[in-house]
């Protein structure tokens, strides 16, 4: 279900279950988390096989859950989304086609979300009497704002790539999302790690400022020759 291919700078992780629109079972969630956590390459490119990015939770799995096992399944999805968000690698979601529910939630955990013109997005859980519980209720309003988050989560409606870009759900629309991952991978790996950590730091402003200055000093010292060369 989870296929991994390593290049020089990019680990490509493919959710490879196209017959179910790449819906994830418990094993799939565990495999995805492991794939994210076991690389030191500077960039991870996350994609889906076939005509979908990810349909979210496998509904055959969900239908068999009771209260306790459903809670455990949600926690499993949260662990996977947290692994994506906390990875030292920059994680780029390449979204081509269908992204629904947990698939949107996993994309929200990524650092960059890049979609093709034909990509569509929805949080349709309310139509089944449930909701996305892989961290989406926290990340969605943080990324798109409270009003648009409530609109998407309470209506279950489908939005296209243009609207997703307008509300900030994705950062770019392109025919080749992987090219964005390759663009990011051309930058200095240590700088990528530091920038990701600093931007995602939710500490107080004072703590963030001190950490930012410290890491900036370390990077300037590390890359002094490159910086000097640009002045010539």
C-alpha atoms as a PDB file:
ATOM      1  CA  UNK A   1       0.000   0.000   0.000  1.00  0.00           C
ATOM      2  CA  UNK A   2       2.854   2.413   0.792  1.00  0.00           C
ATOM      3  CA  UNK A   3       5.614   2.493  -1.817  1.00  0.00           C
ATOM      4  CA  UNK A   4       8.908   4.293  -1.194  1.00  0.00           C
ATOM      5  CA  UNK A   5      11.478   5.422  -3.767  1.00  0.00           C
ATOM      6  CA  UNK A   6      14.632   7.270  -2.744  1.00  0.00           C
ATOM      7  CA  UNK A   7      16.552   9.651  -4.995  1.00  0.00           C
ATOM      8  CA  UNK A   8      19.572  11.766  -4.206  1.00  0.00           C
ATOM      9  CA  UNK A   9      17.608  14.460  -2.377  1.00  0.00           C
ATOM     10  CA  UNK A  10      13.964  13.375  -2.437  1.00  0.00           C
ATOM     11  CA  UNK A  11      12.126  10.425  -0.916  1.00  0.00           C
ATOM     12  CA  UNK A  12       8.951   9.784  -2.908  1.00  0.00           C
ATOM     13  CA  UNK A  13       6.166   8.153  -0.897  1.00  0.00           C
ATOM     14  CA  UNK A  14       3.268   6.818  -2.941  1.00  0.00           C
ATOM     15  CA  UNK A  15      -0.028   5.706  -1.444  1.00  0.00           C
ATOM     16  CA  UNK A  16      -0.569   2.818  -3.831  1.00  0.00           C
ATOM     17  CA  UNK A  17      -4.128   1.547  -3.523  1.00  0.00           C
ATOM     18  CA  UNK A  18      -5.831   3.046  -6.561  1.00  0.00           C
ATOM     19  CA  UNK A  19      -8.756   0.611  -6.540  1.00  0.00           C
ATOM     20  CA  UNK A  20      -9.986   2.334  -3.339  1.00  0.00           C
ATOM     21  CA  UNK A  21      -8.809   5.840  -4.277  1.00  0.00           C
ATOM     22  CA  UNK A  22      -5.864   5.295  -1.954  1.00  0.00           C
ATOM     23  CA  UNK A  23      -8.013   5.036   1.179  1.00  0.00           C
ATOM     24  CA  UNK A  24      -5.961   4.139   4.239  1.00  0.00           C
ATOM     25  CA  UNK A  25      -6.372   1.226   6.623  1.00  0.00           C
ATOM     26  CA  UNK A  26      -4.591   0.963   9.979  1.00  0.00           C
ATOM     27  CA  UNK A  27      -1.672  -0.789   8.277  1.00  0.00           C
ATOM     28  CA  UNK A  28      -1.528   1.917   5.649  1.00  0.00           C
ATOM     29  CA  UNK A  29      -1.361   4.641   8.276  1.00  0.00           C
ATOM     30  CA  UNK A  30       1.432   2.808  10.088  1.00  0.00           C
ATOM     31  CA  UNK A  31       3.323   2.278   6.834  1.00  0.00           C
ATOM     32  CA  UNK A  32       3.018   5.931   5.902  1.00  0.00           C
ATOM     33  CA  UNK A  33       4.277   7.083   9.301  1.00  0.00           C
ATOM     34  CA  UNK A  34       7.245   4.709   9.065  1.00  0.00           C
ATOM     35  CA  UNK A  35       8.112   5.926   5.570  1.00  0.00           C
ATOM     36  CA  UNK A  36       8.146   9.526   6.791  1.00  0.00           C
ATOM     37  CA  UNK A  37      10.150   8.795   9.926  1.00  0.00           C
ATOM     38  CA  UNK A  38      12.911   6.682   8.356  1.00  0.00           C
ATOM     39  CA  UNK A  39      14.636   9.098   5.992  1.00  0.00           C
ATOM     40  CA  UNK A  40      17.237  11.819   6.379  1.00  0.00           C
ATOM     41  CA  UNK A  41      16.750  13.136   2.832  1.00  0.00           C
ATOM     42  CA  UNK A  42      15.913  16.860   2.808  1.00  0.00           C
ATOM     43  CA  UNK A  43      12.595  16.549   0.935  1.00  0.00           C
ATOM     44  CA  UNK A  44       9.718  14.074   0.984  1.00  0.00           C
ATOM     45  CA  UNK A  45       7.259  14.078  -1.906  1.00  0.00           C
ATOM     46  CA  UNK A  46       3.902  12.516  -0.954  1.00  0.00           C
ATOM     47  CA  UNK A  47       1.553  11.461  -3.729  1.00  0.00           C
ATOM     48  CA  UNK A  48      -1.239   9.048  -4.571  1.00  0.00           C
ATOM     49  CA  UNK A  49      -1.290   6.426  -7.293  1.00  0.00           C
ATOM     50  CA  UNK A  50      -3.865   6.723 -10.059  1.00  0.00           C
ATOM     51  CA  UNK A  51      -6.683   9.266 -10.160  1.00  0.00           C
ATOM     52  CA  UNK A  52      -6.683  10.225  -6.470  1.00  0.00           C
ATOM     53  CA  UNK A  53      -4.358  11.625  -3.858  1.00  0.00           C
ATOM     54  CA  UNK A  54      -6.121   9.960  -0.922  1.00  0.00           C
ATOM     55  CA  UNK A  55      -9.765   9.306  -0.054  1.00  0.00           C
ATOM     56  CA  UNK A  56      -8.982   9.326   3.664  1.00  0.00           C
ATOM     57  CA  UNK A  57      -9.977   6.496   5.976  1.00  0.00           C
ATOM     58  CA  UNK A  58     -10.981   3.184   4.463  1.00  0.00           C
ATOM     59  CA  UNK A  59     -14.728   3.008   5.146  1.00  0.00           C
ATOM     60  CA  UNK A  60     -14.738  -0.793   5.305  1.00  0.00           C
ATOM     61  CA  UNK A  61     -12.322  -0.441   8.213  1.00  0.00           C
ATOM     62  CA  UNK A  62     -14.381   2.307   9.871  1.00  0.00           C
ATOM     63  CA  UNK A  63     -17.597   0.280   9.581  1.00  0.00           C
ATOM     64  CA  UNK A  64     -16.093  -2.457  11.775  1.00  0.00           C
ATOM     65  CA  UNK A  65     -15.006  -0.158  14.599  1.00  0.00           C
ATOM     66  CA  UNK A  66     -16.605   0.235  18.006  1.00  0.00           C
ATOM     67  CA  UNK A  67     -16.185   3.264  20.258  1.00  0.00           C
ATOM     68  CA  UNK A  68     -12.804   2.223  21.675  1.00  0.00           C
ATOM     69  CA  UNK A  69     -11.317   0.959  18.420  1.00  0.00           C
ATOM     70  CA  UNK A  70     -12.582   4.059  16.585  1.00  0.00           C
ATOM     71  CA  UNK A  71     -10.769   6.246  19.107  1.00  0.00           C
ATOM     72  CA  UNK A  72      -7.600   4.180  18.613  1.00  0.00           C
ATOM     73  CA  UNK A  73      -7.949   4.487  14.821  1.00  0.00           C
ATOM     74  CA  UNK A  74      -8.261   8.276  15.115  1.00  0.00           C
ATOM     75  CA  UNK A  75      -5.143   8.351  17.284  1.00  0.00           C
ATOM     76  CA  UNK A  76      -3.311   6.301  14.659  1.00  0.00           C
ATOM     77  CA  UNK A  77      -4.215   8.836  11.993  1.00  0.00           C
ATOM     78  CA  UNK A  78      -3.151  11.669  14.280  1.00  0.00           C
ATOM     79  CA  UNK A  79       0.212   9.971  14.853  1.00  0.00           C
ATOM     80  CA  UNK A  80       0.757   9.742  11.099  1.00  0.00           C
ATOM     81  CA  UNK A  81      -0.216  13.373  10.489  1.00  0.00           C
ATOM     82  CA  UNK A  82       2.024  14.467  13.370  1.00  0.00           C
ATOM     83  CA  UNK A  83       4.909  12.450  11.909  1.00  0.00           C
ATOM     84  CA  UNK A  84       4.504  14.379   8.651  1.00  0.00           C
ATOM     85  CA  UNK A  85       4.343  17.746  10.393  1.00  0.00           C
ATOM     86  CA  UNK A  86       7.302  17.024  12.702  1.00  0.00           C
ATOM     87  CA  UNK A  87       9.585  15.432  10.110  1.00  0.00           C
ATOM     88  CA  UNK A  88      12.910  17.196   9.669  1.00  0.00           C
ATOM     89  CA  UNK A  89      12.416  16.773   5.923  1.00  0.00           C
ATOM     90  CA  UNK A  90      10.285  19.284   4.049  1.00  0.00           C
ATOM     91  CA  UNK A  91       7.147  17.371   3.045  1.00  0.00           C
ATOM     92  CA  UNK A  92       5.492  18.364  -0.233  1.00  0.00           C
ATOM     93  CA  UNK A  93       2.049  16.962  -1.029  1.00  0.00           C
ATOM     94  CA  UNK A  94       1.472  16.507  -4.752  1.00  0.00           C
ATOM     95  CA  UNK A  95      -2.312  16.400  -5.086  1.00  0.00           C
ATOM     96  CA  UNK A  96      -3.659  15.136  -8.377  1.00  0.00           C
ATOM     97  CA  UNK A  97      -7.368  14.370  -8.521  1.00  0.00           C
ATOM     98  CA  UNK A  98      -9.478  13.336  -5.558  1.00  0.00           C
ATOM     99  CA  UNK A  99      -8.615  14.369  -1.944  1.00  0.00           C
ATOM    100  CA  UNK A 100     -11.239  13.712   0.681  1.00  0.00           C
ATOM    101  CA  UNK A 101     -11.499  13.595   4.471  1.00  0.00           C
ATOM    102  CA  UNK A 102      -8.355  12.112   5.955  1.00  0.00           C
ATOM    103  CA  UNK A 103      -6.569  12.694   2.653  1.00  0.00           C
ATOM    104  CA  UNK A 104      -7.120  16.422   3.100  1.00  0.00           C
ATOM    105  CA  UNK A 105      -6.001  16.108   6.729  1.00  0.00           C
ATOM    106  CA  UNK A 106      -2.738  14.421   5.754  1.00  0.00           C
ATOM    107  CA  UNK A 107      -2.153  17.120   3.151  1.00  0.00           C
ATOM    108  CA  UNK A 108      -2.766  19.780   5.813  1.00  0.00           C
ATOM    109  CA  UNK A 109       0.091  18.290   7.840  1.00  0.00           C
ATOM    110  CA  UNK A 110       2.487  18.701   4.906  1.00  0.00           C
ATOM    111  CA  UNK A 111       4.657  21.791   4.573  1.00  0.00           C
ATOM    112  CA  UNK A 112       3.612  22.553   0.995  1.00  0.00           C
ATOM    113  CA  UNK A 113       0.423  21.485  -0.781  1.00  0.00           C
ATOM    114  CA  UNK A 114       0.677  21.638  -4.572  1.00  0.00           C
ATOM    115  CA  UNK A 115      -2.225  20.581  -6.768  1.00  0.00           C
ATOM    116  CA  UNK A 116      -2.946  19.935 -10.412  1.00  0.00           C
ATOM    117  CA  UNK A 117      -5.746  21.936 -12.078  1.00  0.00           C
ATOM    118  CA  UNK A 118      -8.096  18.956 -11.823  1.00  0.00           C
ATOM    119  CA  UNK A 119      -7.652  18.366  -8.089  1.00  0.00           C
ATOM    120  CA  UNK A 120     -10.721  18.529  -5.840  1.00  0.00           C
ATOM    121  CA  UNK A 121     -11.070  18.674  -2.067  1.00  0.00           C
ATOM    122  CA  UNK A 122     -13.789  17.964   0.487  1.00  0.00           C
ATOM    123  CA  UNK A 123     -14.375  17.082   4.135  1.00  0.00           C
ATOM    124  CA  UNK A 124     -17.498  14.926   3.636  1.00  0.00           C
ATOM    125  CA  UNK A 125     -17.552  13.240   7.057  1.00  0.00           C
ATOM    126  CA  UNK A 126     -20.645  15.125   8.237  1.00  0.00           C
ATOM    127  CA  UNK A 127     -22.625  13.509   5.437  1.00  0.00           C
ATOM    128  CA  UNK A 128     -21.975  10.145   7.141  1.00  0.00           C
ATOM    129  CA  UNK A 129     -22.509  11.432  10.668  1.00  0.00           C
ATOM    130  CA  UNK A 130     -18.783  11.593  11.495  1.00  0.00           C
ATOM    131  CA  UNK A 131     -15.906  14.029  10.929  1.00  0.00           C
ATOM    132  CA  UNK A 132     -12.210  14.046  10.136  1.00  0.00           C
ATOM    133  CA  UNK A 133     -10.294  13.196  13.316  1.00  0.00           C
ATOM    134  CA  UNK A 134      -6.680  13.010  12.130  1.00  0.00           C
ATOM    135  CA  UNK A 135      -5.926  16.519  13.381  1.00  0.00           C
ATOM    136  CA  UNK A 136      -7.974  18.329  10.777  1.00  0.00           C
ATOM    137  CA  UNK A 137     -10.184  20.240  13.213  1.00  0.00           C
ATOM    138  CA  UNK A 138      -7.018  21.947  14.514  1.00  0.00           C
ATOM    139  CA  UNK A 139      -5.043  22.347  11.289  1.00  0.00           C
ATOM    140  CA  UNK A 140      -7.834  23.394   8.922  1.00  0.00           C
ATOM    141  CA  UNK A 141      -8.731  26.701  10.663  1.00  0.00           C
ATOM    142  CA  UNK A 142      -5.050  27.410  11.242  1.00  0.00           C
ATOM    143  CA  UNK A 143      -4.403  27.192   7.502  1.00  0.00           C
ATOM    144  CA  UNK A 144      -7.560  28.568   5.852  1.00  0.00           C
ATOM    145  CA  UNK A 145      -9.075  30.614   8.679  1.00  0.00           C
ATOM    146  CA  UNK A 146     -12.066  29.915  10.881  1.00  0.00           C
ATOM    147  CA  UNK A 147     -14.780  30.945   8.425  1.00  0.00           C
ATOM    148  CA  UNK A 148     -13.613  28.838   5.499  1.00  0.00           C
ATOM    149  CA  UNK A 149     -12.766  25.924   7.824  1.00  0.00           C
ATOM    150  CA  UNK A 150     -16.302  25.853   9.190  1.00  0.00           C
ATOM    151  CA  UNK A 151     -17.735  26.199   5.681  1.00  0.00           C
ATOM    152  CA  UNK A 152     -15.793  23.174   4.434  1.00  0.00           C
ATOM    153  CA  UNK A 153     -16.272  21.021   7.535  1.00  0.00           C
ATOM    154  CA  UNK A 154     -19.964  21.735   8.078  1.00  0.00           C
ATOM    155  CA  UNK A 155     -21.119  21.583   4.446  1.00  0.00           C
ATOM    156  CA  UNK A 156     -19.023  18.694   3.158  1.00  0.00           C
ATOM    157  CA  UNK A 157     -18.998  20.441  -0.209  1.00  0.00           C
ATOM    158  CA  UNK A 158     -16.379  19.868  -2.895  1.00  0.00           C
ATOM    159  CA  UNK A 159     -14.020  22.686  -3.839  1.00  0.00           C
ATOM    160  CA  UNK A 160     -11.851  22.795  -6.938  1.00  0.00           C
ATOM    161  CA  UNK A 161      -8.188  23.717  -7.153  1.00  0.00           C
ATOM    162  CA  UNK A 162      -8.865  27.382  -7.905  1.00  0.00           C
ATOM    163  CA  UNK A 163     -11.002  27.849  -4.794  1.00  0.00           C
ATOM    164  CA  UNK A 164      -8.561  25.788  -2.719  1.00  0.00           C
ATOM    165  CA  UNK A 165      -5.788  28.152  -3.810  1.00  0.00           C
ATOM    166  CA  UNK A 166      -7.901  31.226  -3.061  1.00  0.00           C
ATOM    167  CA  UNK A 167      -8.581  30.185   0.548  1.00  0.00           C
ATOM    168  CA  UNK A 168      -5.015  29.007   1.164  1.00  0.00           C
ATOM    169  CA  UNK A 169      -5.721  25.281   1.304  1.00  0.00           C
ATOM    170  CA  UNK A 170      -3.036  24.789  -1.354  1.00  0.00           C
ATOM    171  CA  UNK A 171      -0.089  27.005  -2.222  1.00  0.00           C
ATOM    172  CA  UNK A 172       0.257  26.385  -5.971  1.00  0.00           C
ATOM    173  CA  UNK A 173      -1.549  24.943  -8.987  1.00  0.00           C
ATOM    174  CA  UNK A 174       0.675  23.293 -11.558  1.00  0.00           C
ATOM    175  CA  UNK A 175       0.604  20.470 -14.069  1.00  0.00           C
ATOM    176  CA  UNK A 176       3.701  18.966 -12.413  1.00  0.00           C
ATOM    177  CA  UNK A 177       3.613  19.131  -8.591  1.00  0.00           C
ATOM    178  CA  UNK A 178       6.808  17.103  -8.321  1.00  0.00           C
ATOM    179  CA  UNK A 179       8.706  19.983  -9.928  1.00  0.00           C
ATOM    180  CA  UNK A 180       8.004  22.015  -6.785  1.00  0.00           C
ATOM    181  CA  UNK A 181       9.566  19.295  -4.617  1.00  0.00           C
ATOM    182  CA  UNK A 182      12.588  19.316  -6.913  1.00  0.00           C
ATOM    183  CA  UNK A 183      12.779  23.121  -6.685  1.00  0.00           C
ATOM    184  CA  UNK A 184      12.799  22.973  -2.884  1.00  0.00           C
ATOM    185  CA  UNK A 185      15.397  20.177  -2.898  1.00  0.00           C
ATOM    186  CA  UNK A 186      17.881  22.411  -4.739  1.00  0.00           C
ATOM    187  CA  UNK A 187      18.304  24.503  -1.590  1.00  0.00           C
ATOM    188  CA  UNK A 188      20.710  23.865   1.289  1.00  0.00           C
ATOM    189  CA  UNK A 189      19.404  20.942   3.398  1.00  0.00           C
ATOM    190  CA  UNK A 190      20.407  22.459   6.740  1.00  0.00           C
ATOM    191  CA  UNK A 191      18.684  25.739   5.860  1.00  0.00           C
ATOM    192  CA  UNK A 192      15.520  23.851   4.879  1.00  0.00           C
ATOM    193  CA  UNK A 193      15.454  22.066   8.236  1.00  0.00           C
ATOM    194  CA  UNK A 194      15.964  25.286  10.172  1.00  0.00           C
ATOM    195  CA  UNK A 195      13.364  27.287   8.235  1.00  0.00           C
ATOM    196  CA  UNK A 196      10.766  24.545   8.658  1.00  0.00           C
ATOM    197  CA  UNK A 197      11.452  24.285  12.384  1.00  0.00           C
ATOM    198  CA  UNK A 198      11.332  28.031  12.914  1.00  0.00           C
ATOM    199  CA  UNK A 199       8.160  28.654  10.909  1.00  0.00           C
ATOM    200  CA  UNK A 200       6.393  25.769  12.649  1.00  0.00           C
ATOM    201  CA  UNK A 201       7.574  26.769  16.143  1.00  0.00           C
ATOM    202  CA  UNK A 202       4.512  27.581  18.267  1.00  0.00           C
ATOM    203  CA  UNK A 203       6.483  28.880  21.238  1.00  0.00           C
ATOM    204  CA  UNK A 204       6.096  32.435  22.501  1.00  0.00           C
ATOM    205  CA  UNK A 205       7.407  35.228  20.294  1.00  0.00           C
ATOM    206  CA  UNK A 206      10.349  35.859  22.630  1.00  0.00           C
ATOM    207  CA  UNK A 207      11.429  32.208  22.641  1.00  0.00           C
ATOM    208  CA  UNK A 208      11.040  32.003  18.869  1.00  0.00           C
ATOM    209  CA  UNK A 209      13.095  35.148  18.349  1.00  0.00           C
ATOM    210  CA  UNK A 210      15.962  33.810  20.454  1.00  0.00           C
ATOM    211  CA  UNK A 211      15.956  30.483  18.634  1.00  0.00           C
ATOM    212  CA  UNK A 212      15.742  32.231  15.279  1.00  0.00           C
ATOM    213  CA  UNK A 213      18.774  34.421  16.014  1.00  0.00           C
ATOM    214  CA  UNK A 214      20.805  31.461  17.300  1.00  0.00           C
ATOM    215  CA  UNK A 215      20.109  29.280  14.279  1.00  0.00           C
ATOM    216  CA  UNK A 216      20.684  32.180  11.879  1.00  0.00           C
ATOM    217  CA  UNK A 217      24.120  32.692  13.412  1.00  0.00           C
ATOM    218  CA  UNK A 218      24.957  29.021  13.028  1.00  0.00           C
ATOM    219  CA  UNK A 219      23.907  28.980   9.374  1.00  0.00           C
ATOM    220  CA  UNK A 220      25.849  32.146   8.540  1.00  0.00           C
ATOM    221  CA  UNK A 221      28.964  30.584  10.021  1.00  0.00           C
ATOM    222  CA  UNK A 222      28.333  27.324   8.163  1.00  0.00           C
ATOM    223  CA  UNK A 223      27.787  28.972   4.784  1.00  0.00           C
ATOM    224  CA  UNK A 224      30.172  31.916   5.034  1.00  0.00           C
ATOM    225  CA  UNK A 225      32.018  31.051   1.823  1.00  0.00           C
ATOM    226  CA  UNK A 226      28.830  30.771  -0.211  1.00  0.00           C
ATOM    227  CA  UNK A 227      27.534  34.056   1.161  1.00  0.00           C
ATOM    228  CA  UNK A 228      30.799  35.832   0.409  1.00  0.00           C
ATOM    229  CA  UNK A 229      30.880  34.415  -3.122  1.00  0.00           C
ATOM    230  CA  UNK A 230      27.577  36.085  -3.988  1.00  0.00           C
ATOM    231  CA  UNK A 231      29.198  39.491  -3.415  1.00  0.00           C
ATOM    232  CA  UNK A 232      31.849  38.971  -6.093  1.00  0.00           C
END
